[in-house]
Amino acid sequence: MKIGELGMHCGECILIEHCGEPWSDIAICCEERFKDVDKTKFLKLIETSQRKSKKARINDVHKRLLQGE
């Protein structure tokens, strides 16, 4: 399933621990840059990120996706 298809189903999503509170500024499924990314691939990348904050880990995933990881 693509991240763009998750549609704010907070609590039912495998990415929930990497997002902020529901309807906060950290909502991975609402980010246009991830709409066509497979959620399993995103999860693998974010779990291997060495960044400290949620936003930094999310940005790290985006950077790594652009590099072709």
N, C-alpha and C. Protein backbone atom coordinates (compact mmCIF):
# COMPACT_ATOMS: atom_id res chain seq x y z
N MET A 1 0.84 -1.18 0.00
CA MET A 1 0.00 0.00 0.00
C MET A 1 0.89 1.24 0.00
N LYS A 2 0.48 2.22 -0.76
CA LYS A 2 1.21 3.49 -0.83
C LYS A 2 0.82 4.38 0.34
N ILE A 3 1.75 5.21 0.78
CA ILE A 3 1.52 6.10 1.92
C ILE A 3 0.34 7.04 1.66
N GLY A 4 0.20 7.52 0.44
CA GLY A 4 -0.90 8.42 0.12
C GLY A 4 -2.28 7.81 0.28
N GLU A 5 -2.35 6.48 0.32
CA GLU A 5 -3.62 5.78 0.48
C GLU A 5 -4.02 5.59 1.94
N LEU A 6 -3.14 5.94 2.87
CA LEU A 6 -3.41 5.71 4.29
C LEU A 6 -4.48 6.64 4.84
N GLY A 7 -4.51 7.88 4.36
CA GLY A 7 -5.60 8.79 4.64
C GLY A 7 -5.96 9.07 6.09
N MET A 8 -4.99 9.39 6.91
CA MET A 8 -5.23 9.79 8.30
C MET A 8 -6.01 8.75 9.11
N HIS A 9 -5.73 7.49 8.88
CA HIS A 9 -6.32 6.44 9.71
C HIS A 9 -5.38 6.15 10.88
N CYS A 10 -5.15 7.19 11.66
CA CYS A 10 -4.22 7.12 12.79
C CYS A 10 -4.65 6.01 13.75
N GLY A 11 -3.70 5.26 14.21
CA GLY A 11 -3.98 4.16 15.12
C GLY A 11 -4.13 2.84 14.39
N GLU A 12 -4.45 2.89 13.11
CA GLU A 12 -4.59 1.68 12.29
C GLU A 12 -3.40 1.51 11.35
N CYS A 13 -2.44 2.38 11.49
CA CYS A 13 -1.34 2.49 10.53
C CYS A 13 -0.03 2.02 11.16
N ILE A 14 0.80 1.35 10.37
CA ILE A 14 2.09 0.88 10.89
C ILE A 14 3.09 2.01 11.08
N LEU A 15 2.78 3.19 10.56
CA LEU A 15 3.70 4.32 10.69
C LEU A 15 3.39 5.21 11.89
N ILE A 16 2.39 4.87 12.68
CA ILE A 16 1.87 5.73 13.74
C ILE A 16 2.95 6.20 14.72
N GLU A 17 3.88 5.36 15.07
CA GLU A 17 4.90 5.77 16.05
C GLU A 17 5.88 6.79 15.48
N HIS A 18 5.87 6.97 14.18
CA HIS A 18 6.77 7.93 13.55
C HIS A 18 6.09 9.26 13.23
N CYS A 19 4.79 9.33 13.47
CA CYS A 19 4.03 10.57 13.26
C CYS A 19 3.86 11.30 14.58
N GLY A 20 3.31 12.50 14.48
CA GLY A 20 2.96 13.25 15.68
C GLY A 20 1.57 12.83 16.14
N GLU A 21 0.99 13.63 17.00
CA GLU A 21 -0.38 13.39 17.43
C GLU A 21 -1.30 13.53 16.21
N PRO A 22 -2.48 12.87 16.24
CA PRO A 22 -3.40 13.02 15.11
C PRO A 22 -3.67 14.49 14.79
N TRP A 23 -3.64 14.80 13.51
CA TRP A 23 -3.89 16.14 12.97
C TRP A 23 -2.79 17.14 13.34
N SER A 24 -1.62 16.65 13.72
CA SER A 24 -0.50 17.55 14.03
C SER A 24 0.25 17.89 12.74
N ASP A 25 1.32 18.63 12.90
CA ASP A 25 2.12 19.01 11.73
C ASP A 25 3.00 17.86 11.23
N ILE A 26 3.04 16.76 11.96
CA ILE A 26 3.80 15.59 11.52
C ILE A 26 2.79 14.49 11.17
N ALA A 27 2.38 14.46 9.92
CA ALA A 27 1.44 13.46 9.43
C ALA A 27 2.00 12.94 8.10
N ILE A 28 2.72 11.84 8.18
CA ILE A 28 3.43 11.30 7.02
C ILE A 28 2.48 11.04 5.84
N CYS A 29 1.29 10.53 6.12
CA CYS A 29 0.38 10.19 5.03
C CYS A 29 -0.17 11.41 4.30
N CYS A 30 -0.03 12.57 4.89
CA CYS A 30 -0.51 13.81 4.25
C CYS A 30 0.58 14.54 3.49
N GLU A 31 1.79 14.02 3.53
CA GLU A 31 2.90 14.68 2.83
C GLU A 31 2.94 14.23 1.37
N GLU A 32 2.79 15.19 0.50
CA GLU A 32 2.76 14.94 -0.95
C GLU A 32 4.01 14.19 -1.42
N ARG A 33 5.14 14.47 -0.82
CA ARG A 33 6.40 13.86 -1.28
C ARG A 33 6.45 12.35 -1.05
N PHE A 34 5.57 11.83 -0.18
CA PHE A 34 5.57 10.39 0.11
C PHE A 34 4.35 9.66 -0.46
N LYS A 35 3.49 10.34 -1.20
CA LYS A 35 2.21 9.75 -1.61
C LYS A 35 2.37 8.46 -2.42
N ASP A 36 3.45 8.32 -3.19
CA ASP A 36 3.64 7.13 -4.03
C ASP A 36 4.68 6.16 -3.47
N VAL A 37 5.09 6.37 -2.22
CA VAL A 37 6.09 5.50 -1.59
C VAL A 37 5.38 4.36 -0.87
N ASP A 38 5.88 3.15 -1.05
CA ASP A 38 5.32 2.00 -0.35
C ASP A 38 5.56 2.14 1.15
N LYS A 39 4.54 1.88 1.95
CA LYS A 39 4.66 2.08 3.40
C LYS A 39 5.71 1.16 4.03
N THR A 40 5.88 -0.04 3.50
CA THR A 40 6.88 -0.96 4.04
C THR A 40 8.29 -0.46 3.77
N LYS A 41 8.52 0.08 2.59
CA LYS A 41 9.83 0.65 2.25
C LYS A 41 10.12 1.84 3.14
N PHE A 42 9.12 2.71 3.32
CA PHE A 42 9.29 3.89 4.18
C PHE A 42 9.63 3.44 5.61
N LEU A 43 8.91 2.46 6.12
CA LEU A 43 9.13 1.97 7.48
C LEU A 43 10.55 1.43 7.64
N LYS A 44 11.03 0.68 6.66
CA LYS A 44 12.40 0.15 6.71
C LYS A 44 13.42 1.29 6.78
N LEU A 45 13.21 2.32 5.96
CA LEU A 45 14.15 3.44 5.93
C LEU A 45 14.10 4.26 7.21
N ILE A 46 12.92 4.52 7.73
CA ILE A 46 12.83 5.36 8.92
C ILE A 46 13.36 4.64 10.15
N GLU A 47 13.21 3.33 10.19
CA GLU A 47 13.72 2.57 11.34
C GLU A 47 15.24 2.45 11.33
N THR A 48 15.86 2.71 10.21
CA THR A 48 17.33 2.67 10.14
C THR A 48 17.95 4.06 10.17
N SER A 49 17.12 5.09 10.26
CA SER A 49 17.63 6.46 10.33
C SER A 49 18.30 6.71 11.67
N GLN A 50 19.39 7.44 11.65
CA GLN A 50 20.13 7.76 12.87
C GLN A 50 19.76 9.14 13.43
N ARG A 51 18.84 9.82 12.80
CA ARG A 51 18.43 11.15 13.25
C ARG A 51 17.66 11.06 14.56
N LYS A 52 17.63 12.16 15.31
CA LYS A 52 17.02 12.16 16.65
C LYS A 52 15.52 12.46 16.65
N SER A 53 15.11 13.54 15.99
CA SER A 53 13.70 13.95 16.05
C SER A 53 12.88 13.27 14.95
N LYS A 54 11.57 13.25 15.14
CA LYS A 54 10.69 12.65 14.13
C LYS A 54 10.83 13.37 12.79
N LYS A 55 10.79 14.69 12.83
CA LYS A 55 10.90 15.45 11.58
C LYS A 55 12.23 15.18 10.88
N ALA A 56 13.30 15.10 11.65
CA ALA A 56 14.62 14.84 11.06
C ALA A 56 14.68 13.45 10.44
N ARG A 57 14.07 12.45 11.09
CA ARG A 57 14.04 11.10 10.52
C ARG A 57 13.22 11.07 9.24
N ILE A 58 12.09 11.77 9.24
CA ILE A 58 11.24 11.83 8.04
C ILE A 58 12.00 12.49 6.89
N ASN A 59 12.68 13.59 7.18
CA ASN A 59 13.48 14.27 6.14
C ASN A 59 14.63 13.40 5.66
N ASP A 60 15.21 12.62 6.57
CA ASP A 60 16.29 11.70 6.20
C ASP A 60 15.77 10.64 5.23
N VAL A 61 14.58 10.11 5.50
CA VAL A 61 13.98 9.13 4.59
C VAL A 61 13.79 9.75 3.21
N HIS A 62 13.28 10.96 3.16
CA HIS A 62 13.07 11.63 1.87
C HIS A 62 14.38 11.77 1.12
N LYS A 63 15.42 12.19 1.82
CA LYS A 63 16.74 12.35 1.20
C LYS A 63 17.23 11.01 0.65
N ARG A 64 17.07 9.96 1.43
CA ARG A 64 17.54 8.63 1.01
C ARG A 64 16.72 8.11 -0.17
N LEU A 65 15.44 8.40 -0.21
CA LEU A 65 14.61 8.00 -1.35
C LEU A 65 15.07 8.71 -2.62
N LEU A 66 15.40 9.98 -2.50
CA LEU A 66 15.89 10.74 -3.65
C LEU A 66 17.22 10.19 -4.16
N GLN A 67 18.02 9.63 -3.24
CA GLN A 67 19.32 9.06 -3.61
C GLN A 67 19.17 7.65 -4.17
N GLY A 68 17.96 7.10 -4.11
CA GLY A 68 17.71 5.80 -4.70
C GLY A 68 17.84 4.62 -3.77
N GLU A 69 17.81 4.84 -2.48
CA GLU A 69 17.91 3.71 -1.54
C GLU A 69 16.64 2.91 -1.53
